[in-house]
């Protein structure tokens, strides 16, 4: 390498070092220790997080708005069914401590009442499934408590 090339290379290296020092100094703010940039990054991250949360809330609200009364009633029936099994102590060894005859009966009775209300609003297949669920609940209640 010629002497002129070496000088040009050294100038380039010292320019790169100076540029990297300039970048570091700018990121630190006016002679600061980088806290200003870090605070700015935290604010931007917080704003981004809030925007994403708002978008998610809006999406969830749109999904909720699409639900029908029938959808909610069927969900309630499934919750009542799960609760009834829990209050019957089923499965044994897992839900024994929750066993409560009157609570199980109330859950099953509510399931049955909702079935009567919704029976004309569901398809034949859905109705058959719900009736089968009620029969299983009643059978297990008798088996456990009577």
C-alpha atoms as a PDB file:
ATOM      1  CA  UNK A   1       0.000   0.000   0.000  1.00  0.00           C
ATOM      2  CA  UNK A   2       1.437   3.412  -0.898  1.00  0.00           C
ATOM      3  CA  UNK A   3       2.102   6.085   1.687  1.00  0.00           C
ATOM      4  CA  UNK A   4      -0.775   8.236   0.323  1.00  0.00           C
ATOM      5  CA  UNK A   5      -3.186   5.313   0.546  1.00  0.00           C
ATOM      6  CA  UNK A   6      -2.164   4.691   4.179  1.00  0.00           C
ATOM      7  CA  UNK A   7      -2.791   8.361   5.025  1.00  0.00           C
ATOM      8  CA  UNK A   8      -6.216   8.267   3.348  1.00  0.00           C
ATOM      9  CA  UNK A   9      -7.051   5.063   5.237  1.00  0.00           C
ATOM     10  CA  UNK A  10      -6.006   6.610   8.570  1.00  0.00           C
ATOM     11  CA  UNK A  11      -8.127   9.707   7.855  1.00  0.00           C
ATOM     12  CA  UNK A  12     -11.110   7.471   7.067  1.00  0.00           C
ATOM     13  CA  UNK A  13     -10.633   5.488  10.298  1.00  0.00           C
ATOM     14  CA  UNK A  14     -10.421   8.611  12.427  1.00  0.00           C
ATOM     15  CA  UNK A  15     -13.526  10.012  10.658  1.00  0.00           C
ATOM     16  CA  UNK A  16     -15.435   6.767  11.475  1.00  0.00           C
ATOM     17  CA  UNK A  17     -14.370   7.014  15.115  1.00  0.00           C
ATOM     18  CA  UNK A  18     -15.436  10.678  15.258  1.00  0.00           C
ATOM     19  CA  UNK A  19     -18.815   9.849  13.649  1.00  0.00           C
ATOM     20  CA  UNK A  20     -19.435   7.032  16.114  1.00  0.00           C
ATOM     21  CA  UNK A  21     -18.589   9.400  18.998  1.00  0.00           C
ATOM     22  CA  UNK A  22     -21.013  11.968  17.557  1.00  0.00           C
ATOM     23  CA  UNK A  23     -23.796   9.347  17.454  1.00  0.00           C
ATOM     24  CA  UNK A  24     -23.111   8.341  21.054  1.00  0.00           C
ATOM     25  CA  UNK A  25     -23.171  11.967  22.177  1.00  0.00           C
ATOM     26  CA  UNK A  26     -26.439  12.655  20.344  1.00  0.00           C
ATOM     27  CA  UNK A  27     -28.059   9.628  21.942  1.00  0.00           C
ATOM     28  CA  UNK A  28     -27.021  10.933  25.333  1.00  0.00           C
ATOM     29  CA  UNK A  29     -28.628  14.295  24.732  1.00  0.00           C
ATOM     30  CA  UNK A  30     -26.794  17.526  25.426  1.00  0.00           C
ATOM     31  CA  UNK A  31     -23.933  16.027  27.351  1.00  0.00           C
ATOM     32  CA  UNK A  32     -26.353  13.856  29.372  1.00  0.00           C
ATOM     33  CA  UNK A  33     -26.009  10.228  30.221  1.00  0.00           C
ATOM     34  CA  UNK A  34     -28.588   8.770  27.814  1.00  0.00           C
ATOM     35  CA  UNK A  35     -31.507   9.095  30.247  1.00  0.00           C
ATOM     36  CA  UNK A  36     -33.379  11.519  27.963  1.00  0.00           C
ATOM     37  CA  UNK A  37     -33.291   9.034  25.090  1.00  0.00           C
ATOM     38  CA  UNK A  38     -34.277   6.188  27.395  1.00  0.00           C
ATOM     39  CA  UNK A  39     -37.209   8.224  28.750  1.00  0.00           C
ATOM     40  CA  UNK A  40     -38.299   9.057  25.201  1.00  0.00           C
ATOM     41  CA  UNK A  41     -38.120   5.369  24.253  1.00  0.00           C
ATOM     42  CA  UNK A  42     -40.193   4.461  27.326  1.00  0.00           C
ATOM     43  CA  UNK A  43     -42.819   7.070  26.436  1.00  0.00           C
ATOM     44  CA  UNK A  44     -42.997   5.798  22.856  1.00  0.00           C
ATOM     45  CA  UNK A  45     -43.250   2.190  24.074  1.00  0.00           C
ATOM     46  CA  UNK A  46     -46.054   3.168  26.463  1.00  0.00           C
ATOM     47  CA  UNK A  47     -47.937   4.975  23.681  1.00  0.00           C
ATOM     48  CA  UNK A  48     -47.542   1.966  21.388  1.00  0.00           C
ATOM     49  CA  UNK A  49     -48.764  -0.364  24.149  1.00  0.00           C
ATOM     50  CA  UNK A  50     -51.794   1.854  24.799  1.00  0.00           C
ATOM     51  CA  UNK A  51     -52.668   1.964  21.093  1.00  0.00           C
ATOM     52  CA  UNK A  52     -52.452  -1.828  20.855  1.00  0.00           C
ATOM     53  CA  UNK A  53     -54.633  -2.201  23.957  1.00  0.00           C
ATOM     54  CA  UNK A  54     -57.233   0.156  22.482  1.00  0.00           C
ATOM     55  CA  UNK A  55     -57.246  -1.813  19.214  1.00  0.00           C
ATOM     56  CA  UNK A  56     -57.696  -5.077  21.115  1.00  0.00           C
ATOM     57  CA  UNK A  57     -60.520  -3.618  23.199  1.00  0.00           C
ATOM     58  CA  UNK A  58     -62.230  -2.391  20.028  1.00  0.00           C
ATOM     59  CA  UNK A  59     -61.890  -5.812  18.407  1.00  0.00           C
ATOM     60  CA  UNK A  60     -63.309  -7.518  21.499  1.00  0.00           C
ATOM     61  CA  UNK A  61     -66.191  -5.057  21.624  1.00  0.00           C
ATOM     62  CA  UNK A  62     -66.985  -5.784  17.970  1.00  0.00           C
ATOM     63  CA  UNK A  63     -67.082  -9.518  18.745  1.00  0.00           C
ATOM     64  CA  UNK A  64     -69.300  -8.946  21.782  1.00  0.00           C
ATOM     65  CA  UNK A  65     -71.646  -6.810  19.680  1.00  0.00           C
ATOM     66  CA  UNK A  66     -72.100  -9.765  17.296  1.00  0.00           C
ATOM     67  CA  UNK A  67     -73.306 -12.079  20.087  1.00  0.00           C
ATOM     68  CA  UNK A  68     -76.983 -12.905  20.185  1.00  0.00           C
ATOM     69  CA  UNK A  69     -79.123 -13.579  23.231  1.00  0.00           C
ATOM     70  CA  UNK A  70     -79.193 -17.222  22.149  1.00  0.00           C
ATOM     71  CA  UNK A  71     -75.372 -17.331  22.193  1.00  0.00           C
ATOM     72  CA  UNK A  72     -75.305 -15.926  25.719  1.00  0.00           C
ATOM     73  CA  UNK A  73     -77.981 -18.322  26.990  1.00  0.00           C
ATOM     74  CA  UNK A  74     -76.173 -21.344  25.570  1.00  0.00           C
ATOM     75  CA  UNK A  75     -72.936 -20.145  27.177  1.00  0.00           C
ATOM     76  CA  UNK A  76     -74.785 -19.742  30.470  1.00  0.00           C
ATOM     77  CA  UNK A  77     -76.132 -23.269  30.138  1.00  0.00           C
ATOM     78  CA  UNK A  78     -72.643 -24.650  29.589  1.00  0.00           C
ATOM     79  CA  UNK A  79     -71.434 -22.754  32.660  1.00  0.00           C
ATOM     80  CA  UNK A  80     -74.336 -24.099  34.703  1.00  0.00           C
ATOM     81  CA  UNK A  81     -73.568 -27.612  33.498  1.00  0.00           C
ATOM     82  CA  UNK A  82     -69.922 -27.304  34.562  1.00  0.00           C
ATOM     83  CA  UNK A  83     -70.953 -25.839  37.891  1.00  0.00           C
ATOM     84  CA  UNK A  84     -73.487 -28.613  38.490  1.00  0.00           C
ATOM     85  CA  UNK A  85     -70.845 -31.298  37.935  1.00  0.00           C
ATOM     86  CA  UNK A  86     -68.474 -29.480  40.263  1.00  0.00           C
ATOM     87  CA  UNK A  87     -71.180 -29.210  42.936  1.00  0.00           C
ATOM     88  CA  UNK A  88     -71.901 -32.929  42.506  1.00  0.00           C
ATOM     89  CA  UNK A  89     -68.241 -33.597  43.284  1.00  0.00           C
ATOM     90  CA  UNK A  90     -67.530 -34.853  39.781  1.00  0.00           C
ATOM     91  CA  UNK A  91     -64.892 -35.876  38.959  1.00  0.00           C
ATOM     92  CA  UNK A  92     -64.383 -37.649  42.242  1.00  0.00           C
ATOM     93  CA  UNK A  93     -61.111 -36.883  43.941  1.00  0.00           C
ATOM     94  CA  UNK A  94     -60.919 -33.522  42.193  1.00  0.00           C
ATOM     95  CA  UNK A  95     -64.149 -31.753  43.148  1.00  0.00           C
ATOM     96  CA  UNK A  96     -65.039 -33.601  46.360  1.00  0.00           C
ATOM     97  CA  UNK A  97     -64.537 -30.490  48.453  1.00  0.00           C
ATOM     98  CA  UNK A  98     -67.109 -28.574  46.341  1.00  0.00           C
ATOM     99  CA  UNK A  99     -69.886 -31.161  46.723  1.00  0.00           C
ATOM    100  CA  UNK A 100     -73.141 -29.398  47.609  1.00  0.00           C
ATOM    101  CA  UNK A 101     -76.502 -31.010  46.864  1.00  0.00           C
ATOM    102  CA  UNK A 102     -78.623 -27.847  46.936  1.00  0.00           C
ATOM    103  CA  UNK A 103     -76.195 -25.907  44.731  1.00  0.00           C
ATOM    104  CA  UNK A 104     -76.022 -28.781  42.230  1.00  0.00           C
ATOM    105  CA  UNK A 105     -79.826 -28.994  42.133  1.00  0.00           C
ATOM    106  CA  UNK A 106     -80.174 -25.249  41.570  1.00  0.00           C
ATOM    107  CA  UNK A 107     -77.682 -25.334  38.675  1.00  0.00           C
ATOM    108  CA  UNK A 108     -79.529 -28.246  37.054  1.00  0.00           C
ATOM    109  CA  UNK A 109     -82.942 -26.614  37.555  1.00  0.00           C
ATOM    110  CA  UNK A 110     -81.686 -23.396  35.971  1.00  0.00           C
ATOM    111  CA  UNK A 111     -80.234 -25.356  33.049  1.00  0.00           C
ATOM    112  CA  UNK A 112     -83.621 -27.000  32.548  1.00  0.00           C
ATOM    113  CA  UNK A 113     -85.495 -23.671  32.764  1.00  0.00           C
ATOM    114  CA  UNK A 114     -83.208 -22.086  30.187  1.00  0.00           C
ATOM    115  CA  UNK A 115     -83.647 -25.110  27.933  1.00  0.00           C
ATOM    116  CA  UNK A 116     -87.420 -24.550  27.966  1.00  0.00           C
ATOM    117  CA  UNK A 117     -86.938 -20.900  27.034  1.00  0.00           C
ATOM    118  CA  UNK A 118     -84.473 -21.500  24.228  1.00  0.00           C
ATOM    119  CA  UNK A 119     -85.851 -24.750  22.781  1.00  0.00           C
ATOM    120  CA  UNK A 120     -87.673 -23.010  19.905  1.00  0.00           C
ATOM    121  CA  UNK A 121     -84.649 -20.864  19.040  1.00  0.00           C
ATOM    122  CA  UNK A 122     -82.088 -23.620  18.426  1.00  0.00           C
ATOM    123  CA  UNK A 123     -81.647 -26.188  15.679  1.00  0.00           C
ATOM    124  CA  UNK A 124     -82.863 -29.745  16.130  1.00  0.00           C
ATOM    125  CA  UNK A 125     -79.272 -30.932  16.626  1.00  0.00           C
ATOM    126  CA  UNK A 126     -78.537 -28.262  19.240  1.00  0.00           C
ATOM    127  CA  UNK A 127     -81.765 -29.097  21.037  1.00  0.00           C
ATOM    128  CA  UNK A 128     -80.893 -32.783  21.075  1.00  0.00           C
ATOM    129  CA  UNK A 129     -77.432 -32.026  22.486  1.00  0.00           C
ATOM    130  CA  UNK A 130     -78.849 -29.765  25.196  1.00  0.00           C
ATOM    131  CA  UNK A 131     -81.497 -32.332  26.161  1.00  0.00           C
ATOM    132  CA  UNK A 132     -78.797 -34.981  26.355  1.00  0.00           C
ATOM    133  CA  UNK A 133     -76.724 -32.715  28.610  1.00  0.00           C
ATOM    134  CA  UNK A 134     -79.733 -32.192  30.891  1.00  0.00           C
ATOM    135  CA  UNK A 135     -80.379 -35.945  31.047  1.00  0.00           C
ATOM    136  CA  UNK A 136     -76.754 -36.599  31.988  1.00  0.00           C
ATOM    137  CA  UNK A 137     -76.880 -33.944  34.688  1.00  0.00           C
ATOM    138  CA  UNK A 138     -80.084 -35.368  36.152  1.00  0.00           C
ATOM    139  CA  UNK A 139     -78.788 -38.943  36.003  1.00  0.00           C
ATOM    140  CA  UNK A 140     -75.550 -38.013  37.787  1.00  0.00           C
ATOM    141  CA  UNK A 141     -77.465 -36.015  40.405  1.00  0.00           C
ATOM    142  CA  UNK A 142     -79.650 -39.008  41.252  1.00  0.00           C
ATOM    143  CA  UNK A 143     -76.633 -41.302  41.276  1.00  0.00           C
ATOM    144  CA  UNK A 144     -74.711 -38.992  43.655  1.00  0.00           C
ATOM    145  CA  UNK A 145     -77.400 -37.787  46.031  1.00  0.00           C
ATOM    146  CA  UNK A 146     -80.427 -40.125  46.003  1.00  0.00           C
END
